[in-house]
C-alpha atoms as a PDB file:
ATOM      1  CA  MET A   1     -10.517 -34.493  -0.069  1.00  0.00           C
ATOM      2  CA  ASN A   2     -10.442 -30.858   0.605  1.00  0.00           C
ATOM      3  CA  THR A   3      -7.626 -29.568  -0.991  1.00  0.00           C
ATOM      4  CA  GLN A   4      -6.057 -25.259  -0.978  1.00  0.00           C
ATOM      5  CA  PRO A   5      -5.143 -23.350  -3.314  1.00  0.00           C
ATOM      6  CA  LYS A   6      -1.669 -22.584  -3.020  1.00  0.00           C
ATOM      7  CA  GLY A   7      -2.114 -19.182  -3.897  1.00  0.00           C
ATOM      8  CA  PRO A   8      -1.378 -15.755  -1.741  1.00  0.00           C
ATOM      9  CA  ARG A   9      -4.755 -15.533   0.188  1.00  0.00           C
ATOM     10  CA  ILE A  10      -7.122 -13.310   0.042  1.00  0.00           C
ATOM     11  CA  LEU A  11     -10.078 -11.979   2.749  1.00  0.00           C
ATOM     12  CA  ILE A  12     -12.730 -10.220  -0.033  1.00  0.00           C
ATOM     13  CA  VAL A  13     -14.792  -7.705   2.697  1.00  0.00           C
ATOM     14  CA  ASP A  14     -17.502  -6.566   0.927  1.00  0.00           C
ATOM     15  CA  ASP A  15     -21.519  -6.622   2.685  1.00  0.00           C
ATOM     16  CA  GLU A  16     -22.717  -6.570  -0.509  1.00  0.00           C
ATOM     17  CA  PRO A  17     -23.091 -10.696  -1.437  1.00  0.00           C
ATOM     18  CA  ASN A  18     -23.903 -10.697  -5.373  1.00  0.00           C
ATOM     19  CA  ILE A  19     -19.820  -9.330  -5.403  1.00  0.00           C
ATOM     20  CA  ARG A  20     -18.701 -11.081  -2.865  1.00  0.00           C
ATOM     21  CA  GLU A  21     -19.989 -14.356  -4.773  1.00  0.00           C
ATOM     22  CA  LEU A  22     -18.593 -12.801  -8.286  1.00  0.00           C
ATOM     23  CA  LEU A  23     -15.192 -12.051  -6.396  1.00  0.00           C
ATOM     24  CA  SER A  24     -15.116 -15.316  -5.019  1.00  0.00           C
ATOM     25  CA  THR A  25     -15.534 -17.973  -7.853  1.00  0.00           C
ATOM     26  CA  SER A  26     -13.539 -15.232  -9.867  1.00  0.00           C
ATOM     27  CA  LEU A  27     -10.039 -14.722  -7.084  1.00  0.00           C
ATOM     28  CA  ARG A  28     -10.344 -18.755  -6.917  1.00  0.00           C
ATOM     29  CA  PHE A  29     -10.523 -19.191 -10.455  1.00  0.00           C
ATOM     30  CA  ALA A  30      -7.788 -17.215 -10.713  1.00  0.00           C
ATOM     31  CA  GLY A  31      -5.524 -19.796  -7.785  1.00  0.00           C
ATOM     32  CA  PHE A  32      -5.954 -17.536  -4.814  1.00  0.00           C
ATOM     33  CA  GLY A  33      -7.233 -18.881  -1.347  1.00  0.00           C
ATOM     34  CA  VAL A  34     -10.647 -17.072  -0.902  1.00  0.00           C
ATOM     35  CA  ARG A  35     -12.640 -16.244   1.866  1.00  0.00           C
ATOM     36  CA  ALA A  36     -15.027 -13.980   2.220  1.00  0.00           C
ATOM     37  CA  VAL A  37     -17.051 -11.774   4.772  1.00  0.00           C
ATOM     38  CA  ALA A  38     -19.180  -8.837   5.351  1.00  0.00           C
ATOM     39  CA  ASN A  39     -18.656  -6.081   8.011  1.00  0.00           C
ATOM     40  CA  GLY A  40     -15.674  -4.694   9.559  1.00  0.00           C
ATOM     41  CA  ALA A  41     -16.277  -6.311  12.876  1.00  0.00           C
ATOM     42  CA  GLN A  42     -16.029 -10.208  10.633  1.00  0.00           C
ATOM     43  CA  THR A  43     -13.167  -8.233   8.884  1.00  0.00           C
ATOM     44  CA  ILE A  44     -11.445  -8.413  12.482  1.00  0.00           C
ATOM     45  CA  SER A  45     -11.220 -11.878  13.410  1.00  0.00           C
ATOM     46  CA  ALA A  46     -11.481 -13.031   9.712  1.00  0.00           C
ATOM     47  CA  VAL A  47      -7.644 -11.248   9.937  1.00  0.00           C
ATOM     48  CA  LEU A  48      -6.606 -12.521  13.892  1.00  0.00           C
ATOM     49  CA  GLU A  49      -7.546 -16.476  13.219  1.00  0.00           C
ATOM     50  CA  GLU A  50      -5.700 -15.773   9.783  1.00  0.00           C
ATOM     51  CA  GLU A  51      -3.469 -13.706   7.923  1.00  0.00           C
ATOM     52  CA  PRO A  52      -4.257 -13.395   4.457  1.00  0.00           C
ATOM     53  CA  ASP A  53      -1.967 -11.668   2.554  1.00  0.00           C
ATOM     54  CA  LEU A  54      -4.124  -8.904   1.056  1.00  0.00           C
ATOM     55  CA  ILE A  55      -6.978  -7.989   1.440  1.00  0.00           C
ATOM     56  CA  VAL A  56     -10.086  -6.607  -0.269  1.00  0.00           C
ATOM     57  CA  LEU A  57     -12.143  -4.249   1.422  1.00  0.00           C
ATOM     58  CA  ASP A  58     -15.133  -2.381   0.570  1.00  0.00           C
ATOM     59  CA  VAL A  59     -15.197   1.545   2.388  1.00  0.00           C
ATOM     60  CA  MET A  60     -18.789   1.486   2.798  1.00  0.00           C
ATOM     61  CA  LEU A  61     -19.598  -1.632   5.575  1.00  0.00           C
ATOM     62  CA  PRO A  62     -22.939  -1.552   8.195  1.00  0.00           C
ATOM     63  CA  ASP A  63     -21.274  -1.556  11.315  1.00  0.00           C
ATOM     64  CA  MET A  64     -17.771   0.489  10.481  1.00  0.00           C
ATOM     65  CA  ASN A  65     -16.230   2.218   7.747  1.00  0.00           C
ATOM     66  CA  GLY A  66     -12.491   0.603   5.576  1.00  0.00           C
ATOM     67  CA  PHE A  67     -10.945   2.808   6.531  1.00  0.00           C
ATOM     68  CA  SER A  68     -11.882   2.702  10.028  1.00  0.00           C
ATOM     69  CA  VAL A  69     -10.745  -1.054  10.312  1.00  0.00           C
ATOM     70  CA  THR A  70      -7.702  -0.360   8.497  1.00  0.00           C
ATOM     71  CA  LYS A  71      -6.669   1.699  10.677  1.00  0.00           C
ATOM     72  CA  ARG A  72      -7.746  -0.345  13.671  1.00  0.00           C
ATOM     73  CA  LEU A  73      -5.352  -3.330  11.731  1.00  0.00           C
ATOM     74  CA  ARG A  74      -2.500  -1.053  10.924  1.00  0.00           C
ATOM     75  CA  SER A  75      -2.062  -0.997  14.598  1.00  0.00           C
ATOM     76  CA  ALA A  76      -2.829  -4.277  15.668  1.00  0.00           C
ATOM     77  CA  GLY A  77      -0.454  -4.861  13.753  1.00  0.00           C
ATOM     78  CA  TYR A  78      -1.419  -6.352  10.436  1.00  0.00           C
ATOM     79  CA  THR A  79       1.109  -5.074   7.372  1.00  0.00           C
ATOM     80  CA  ALA A  80      -0.555  -7.287   4.078  1.00  0.00           C
ATOM     81  CA  PRO A  81      -1.201  -5.354   1.475  1.00  0.00           C
ATOM     82  CA  ILE A  82      -4.709  -3.835   1.446  1.00  0.00           C
ATOM     83  CA  ILE A  83      -7.348  -2.953  -1.152  1.00  0.00           C
ATOM     84  CA  PHE A  84     -10.216   0.491  -1.285  1.00  0.00           C
ATOM     85  CA  LEU A  85     -13.193  -1.313  -3.059  1.00  0.00           C
ATOM     86  CA  THR A  86     -15.295   1.027  -3.092  1.00  0.00           C
ATOM     87  CA  ALA A  87     -18.460   2.835  -5.359  1.00  0.00           C
ATOM     88  CA  LYS A  88     -16.754   7.105  -4.539  1.00  0.00           C
ATOM     89  CA  ASP A  89     -14.340   8.475  -7.092  1.00  0.00           C
ATOM     90  CA  ASP A  90     -12.830  11.582  -5.189  1.00  0.00           C
ATOM     91  CA  THR A  91      -9.952  11.834  -4.929  1.00  0.00           C
ATOM     92  CA  GLU A  92      -9.467  13.006  -0.885  1.00  0.00           C
ATOM     93  CA  ASP A  93     -10.826   8.968  -0.400  1.00  0.00           C
ATOM     94  CA  LYS A  94      -8.497   8.200  -1.989  1.00  0.00           C
ATOM     95  CA  ILE A  95      -5.747   9.914  -0.038  1.00  0.00           C
ATOM     96  CA  GLU A  96      -7.728   9.668   2.930  1.00  0.00           C
ATOM     97  CA  GLY A  97      -7.445   5.481   1.896  1.00  0.00           C
ATOM     98  CA  LEU A  98      -3.494   5.672   1.090  1.00  0.00           C
ATOM     99  CA  THR A  99      -2.772   7.924   4.406  1.00  0.00           C
ATOM    100  CA  VAL A 100      -4.279   5.634   7.258  1.00  0.00           C
ATOM    101  CA  GLY A 101      -2.826   2.475   5.426  1.00  0.00           C
ATOM    102  CA  GLY A 102      -4.357   1.285   2.213  1.00  0.00           C
ATOM    103  CA  ASP A 103      -2.054  -0.149  -0.882  1.00  0.00           C
ATOM    104  CA  ASP A 104      -4.598   0.652  -3.753  1.00  0.00           C
ATOM    105  CA  TYR A 105      -8.124   2.009  -4.844  1.00  0.00           C
ATOM    106  CA  VAL A 106     -10.790   0.151  -6.557  1.00  0.00           C
ATOM    107  CA  THR A 107     -13.683   1.829  -8.065  1.00  0.00           C
ATOM    108  CA  LYS A 108     -17.091   0.606  -8.121  1.00  0.00           C
ATOM    109  CA  PRO A 109     -18.965  -0.584 -11.133  1.00  0.00           C
ATOM    110  CA  PHE A 110     -14.888  -2.452 -11.742  1.00  0.00           C
ATOM    111  CA  SER A 111     -13.910  -5.542 -14.511  1.00  0.00           C
ATOM    112  CA  LEU A 112     -12.574  -8.812 -13.383  1.00  0.00           C
ATOM    113  CA  ASP A 113      -9.917  -8.364 -14.777  1.00  0.00           C
ATOM    114  CA  GLU A 114      -9.162  -5.012 -13.204  1.00  0.00           C
ATOM    115  CA  ILE A 115      -8.626  -5.560 -10.418  1.00  0.00           C
ATOM    116  CA  ILE A 116      -7.007  -9.475 -10.221  1.00  0.00           C
ATOM    117  CA  ALA A 117      -4.424  -7.419 -11.889  1.00  0.00           C
ATOM    118  CA  ARG A 118      -4.200  -5.487  -9.243  1.00  0.00           C
ATOM    119  CA  ILE A 119      -3.994  -7.924  -6.477  1.00  0.00           C
ATOM    120  CA  LYS A 120      -1.440  -8.882  -9.145  1.00  0.00           C
ATOM    121  CA  ALA A 121       0.526  -6.203  -8.966  1.00  0.00           C
ATOM    122  CA  VAL A 122      -0.335  -5.380  -5.477  1.00  0.00           C
ATOM    123  CA  LEU A 123       1.392  -8.424  -4.382  1.00  0.00           C
ATOM    124  CA  ARG A 124       4.422  -8.284  -6.349  1.00  0.00           C
ATOM    125  CA  ARG A 125       5.842  -5.064  -5.236  1.00  0.00           C
ATOM    126  CA  THR A 126       5.010  -6.305  -1.422  1.00  0.00           C
ATOM    127  CA  ILE A 127       6.046  -9.569  -1.359  1.00  0.00           C
ATOM    128  CA  GLN A 128       9.911  -9.319  -1.320  1.00  0.00           C
ATOM    129  CA  GLU A 129      13.057 -11.843  -1.775  1.00  0.00           C
ATOM    130  CA  ASP A 130      14.905 -12.728   1.023  1.00  0.00           C
ATOM    131  CA  GLU A 131      18.434 -12.243  -0.939  1.00  0.00           C
ATOM    132  CA  ASP A 132      19.492  -7.721  -0.921  1.00  0.00           C
ATOM    133  CA  SER A 133      16.676  -7.492   1.690  1.00  0.00           C
ATOM    134  CA  VAL A 134      18.077  -4.735   3.527  1.00  0.00           C
ATOM    135  CA  LEU A 135      18.993  -1.077   1.424  1.00  0.00           C
ATOM    136  CA  THR A 136      21.647   1.253   2.873  1.00  0.00           C
ATOM    137  CA  VAL A 137      21.410   5.109   1.615  1.00  0.00           C
ATOM    138  CA  GLY A 138      22.972   7.575   2.799  1.00  0.00           C
ATOM    139  CA  PRO A 139      22.162   8.007   6.384  1.00  0.00           C
ATOM    140  CA  ILE A 140      19.180   5.551   5.659  1.00  0.00           C
ATOM    141  CA  THR A 141      18.697   1.817   6.592  1.00  0.00           C
ATOM    142  CA  MET A 142      15.784   0.023   5.176  1.00  0.00           C
ATOM    143  CA  ASP A 143      15.442  -3.374   5.654  1.00  0.00           C
ATOM    144  CA  GLN A 144      12.761  -4.416   3.160  1.00  0.00           C
ATOM    145  CA  ASP A 145      11.647  -7.255   5.427  1.00  0.00           C
ATOM    146  CA  THR A 146      10.792  -6.207   8.383  1.00  0.00           C
ATOM    147  CA  HIS A 147       9.994  -3.477   7.695  1.00  0.00           C
ATOM    148  CA  GLU A 148      12.455  -1.253   9.488  1.00  0.00           C
ATOM    149  CA  VAL A 149      13.443   2.486   8.903  1.00  0.00           C
ATOM    150  CA  SER A 150      16.233   4.623  10.583  1.00  0.00           C
ATOM    151  CA  VAL A 151      18.053   7.418  10.230  1.00  0.00           C
ATOM    152  CA  GLU A 152      21.289   7.757  11.523  1.00  0.00           C
ATOM    153  CA  GLY A 153      20.261   4.342  14.290  1.00  0.00           C
ATOM    154  CA  ALA A 154      17.066   6.737  14.959  1.00  0.00           C
ATOM    155  CA  SER A 155      13.604   4.455  14.363  1.00  0.00           C
ATOM    156  CA  VAL A 156      11.635   6.283  12.126  1.00  0.00           C
ATOM    157  CA  GLU A 157       8.125   4.605  11.667  1.00  0.00           C
ATOM    158  CA  LEU A 158       6.546   4.858   8.231  1.00  0.00           C
ATOM    159  CA  SER A 159       3.396   4.076   7.159  1.00  0.00           C
ATOM    160  CA  PRO A 160       3.535   1.619   4.224  1.00  0.00           C
ATOM    161  CA  THR A 161       3.197   3.942   1.555  1.00  0.00           C
ATOM    162  CA  GLU A 162       5.667   5.947   3.112  1.00  0.00           C
ATOM    163  CA  PHE A 163       7.188   2.456   2.507  1.00  0.00           C
ATOM    164  CA  LYS A 164       7.103   1.814  -0.496  1.00  0.00           C
ATOM    165  CA  LEU A 165       7.930   5.951  -1.538  1.00  0.00           C
ATOM    166  CA  LEU A 166      10.506   6.098   0.489  1.00  0.00           C
ATOM    167  CA  ARG A 167      12.266   2.364  -1.027  1.00  0.00           C
ATOM    168  CA  TYR A 168      11.952   3.625  -4.660  1.00  0.00           C
ATOM    169  CA  LEU A 169      13.782   7.182  -4.073  1.00  0.00           C
ATOM    170  CA  MET A 170      16.346   5.079  -2.285  1.00  0.00           C
ATOM    171  CA  GLN A 171      16.059   2.771  -5.026  1.00  0.00           C
ATOM    172  CA  ASN A 172      16.932   5.642  -7.294  1.00  0.00           C
ATOM    173  CA  ALA A 173      19.410   7.968  -5.550  1.00  0.00           C
ATOM    174  CA  ASN A 174      20.291  11.138  -6.545  1.00  0.00           C
ATOM    175  CA  ARG A 175      18.311  10.886  -9.553  1.00  0.00           C
ATOM    176  CA  VAL A 176      14.938  13.443 -10.430  1.00  0.00           C
ATOM    177  CA  LEU A 177      12.248  11.615 -10.376  1.00  0.00           C
ATOM    178  CA  SER A 178       8.604  13.323 -12.125  1.00  0.00           C
ATOM    179  CA  LYS A 179       5.602  13.297 -10.314  1.00  0.00           C
ATOM    180  CA  ALA A 180       3.924   9.960 -12.838  1.00  0.00           C
ATOM    181  CA  GLN A 181       7.567   7.911 -12.171  1.00  0.00           C
ATOM    182  CA  ILE A 182       6.826   7.762  -9.034  1.00  0.00           C
ATOM    183  CA  LEU A 183       2.725   7.262  -9.179  1.00  0.00           C
ATOM    184  CA  ASP A 184       2.963   4.549 -11.505  1.00  0.00           C
ATOM    185  CA  HIS A 185       5.589   3.250  -9.665  1.00  0.00           C
ATOM    186  CA  VAL A 186       4.600   3.310  -5.721  1.00  0.00           C
ATOM    187  CA  TRP A 187       0.693   3.273  -6.545  1.00  0.00           C
ATOM    188  CA  GLU A 188       1.077   1.803 -10.675  1.00  0.00           C
ATOM    189  CA  TYR A 189      -1.845   3.537 -11.945  1.00  0.00           C
ATOM    190  CA  ASP A 190      -1.984   7.741 -12.160  1.00  0.00           C
ATOM    191  CA  PHE A 191      -4.875   8.053  -9.825  1.00  0.00           C
ATOM    192  CA  ASN A 192      -6.100   9.615 -13.515  1.00  0.00           C
ATOM    193  CA  GLY A 193      -3.468  12.770 -12.996  1.00  0.00           C
ATOM    194  CA  ASP A 194      -3.846  14.033  -9.543  1.00  0.00           C
ATOM    195  CA  ALA A 195      -0.678  14.151  -8.599  1.00  0.00           C
ATOM    196  CA  GLY A 196      -1.542  15.584  -5.368  1.00  0.00           C
ATOM    197  CA  ILE A 197      -1.115  12.792  -3.744  1.00  0.00           C
ATOM    198  CA  VAL A 198       2.126  12.341  -5.137  1.00  0.00           C
ATOM    199  CA  GLU A 199       3.132  16.220  -2.721  1.00  0.00           C
ATOM    200  CA  SER A 200       1.149  15.306   0.113  1.00  0.00           C
ATOM    201  CA  TYR A 201       3.178  11.512   0.459  1.00  0.00           C
ATOM    202  CA  ILE A 202       6.791  13.326   0.391  1.00  0.00           C
ATOM    203  CA  SER A 203       5.731  16.158   2.663  1.00  0.00           C
ATOM    204  CA  TYR A 204       4.528  13.395   5.470  1.00  0.00           C
ATOM    205  CA  LEU A 205       8.143  12.260   4.960  1.00  0.00           C
ATOM    206  CA  ARG A 206      10.040  14.854   4.956  1.00  0.00           C
ATOM    207  CA  ARG A 207       8.320  14.934   8.305  1.00  0.00           C
ATOM    208  CA  LYS A 208       9.600  12.524   9.587  1.00  0.00           C
ATOM    209  CA  LEU A 209      13.231  11.907   7.955  1.00  0.00           C
ATOM    210  CA  ASP A 210      14.387  15.763   8.428  1.00  0.00           C
ATOM    211  CA  PRO A 211      14.012  16.561  11.654  1.00  0.00           C
ATOM    212  CA  LEU A 212      17.002  13.084  11.732  1.00  0.00           C
ATOM    213  CA  THR A 213      19.406  15.337   8.983  1.00  0.00           C
ATOM    214  CA  GLU A 214      20.796  18.348   8.984  1.00  0.00           C
ATOM    215  CA  GLU A 215      19.661  18.912   5.505  1.00  0.00           C
ATOM    216  CA  SER A 216      16.616  17.927   4.011  1.00  0.00           C
ATOM    217  CA  LEU A 217      17.844  14.412   2.166  1.00  0.00           C
ATOM    218  CA  ILE A 218      14.987  14.707  -0.174  1.00  0.00           C
ATOM    219  CA  GLN A 219      15.337  16.836  -2.294  1.00  0.00           C
ATOM    220  CA  THR A 220      12.746  19.250  -5.776  1.00  0.00           C
ATOM    221  CA  LYS A 221      13.029  19.752  -8.508  1.00  0.00           C
ATOM    222  CA  ARG A 222      11.272  22.162  -9.833  1.00  0.00           C
ATOM    223  CA  GLY A 223       8.992  21.207 -12.826  1.00  0.00           C
ATOM    224  CA  PHE A 224      11.025  17.829 -12.897  1.00  0.00           C
ATOM    225  CA  GLY A 225      10.085  16.160  -9.727  1.00  0.00           C
ATOM    226  CA  TYR A 226      11.683  14.250  -6.777  1.00  0.00           C
ATOM    227  CA  MET A 227      15.045  13.817  -5.348  1.00  0.00           C
ATOM    228  CA  LEU A 228      16.810  12.000  -2.810  1.00  0.00           C
ATOM    229  CA  LYS A 229      20.291  13.644  -2.710  1.00  0.00           C
ATOM    230  CA  THR A 230      23.160  11.903  -0.789  1.00  0.00           C
ATOM    231  CA  GLU A 231      26.513  13.399  -2.554  1.00  0.00           C
ATOM    232  CA  ALA A 232      28.377  15.682  -0.573  1.00  0.00           C
ATOM    233  CA  LYS A 233      27.938  19.535  -1.825  1.00  0.00           C
END
């Protein structure tokens, strides 16, 4: 009798057979359903065949890099989380990975406990409960089930990471949030203390939201952090 784990389905993408086998065995033991492939083309085919709940995606693949794979998946409407796996530890690479729609970044060599913890953390923050799925703060409305966002009724297209950042700001409207708090709650780890990624994503959000409002809703409190301000002056 063939029994499949009832847990979330994970797709592992790595061109090194030993890493595929190690991750597959460990994740199955942790209760996940697992499928493993070796390149970008196989990744796209696997997603089309059976959409996984999360992808662990190596950046350096033989046919195309993981960032290119992610762009293609996101443009095709795949919204489930993607965790990059790479030997590089450069902040620029981390920012690029998150900009194209990644959700987390694990550097080789990694511990199995760490990657399982990262997977569980990403799934916790991306799989939403049915209740209270719609957030409305000031002129902004966010549907957490459909990932649709509108400002004064005008639709706004956000990347997965922009969506998470805006949701955290909305959940804490009219409250100043430090860069460290934002890193902890949106990315759940601190990029070795590099807060530049927060500044970058605040800038991305402002470019999309500000043209639809009379004044910028995301305010900078120098020396403290950022605040989504909805109260009247």
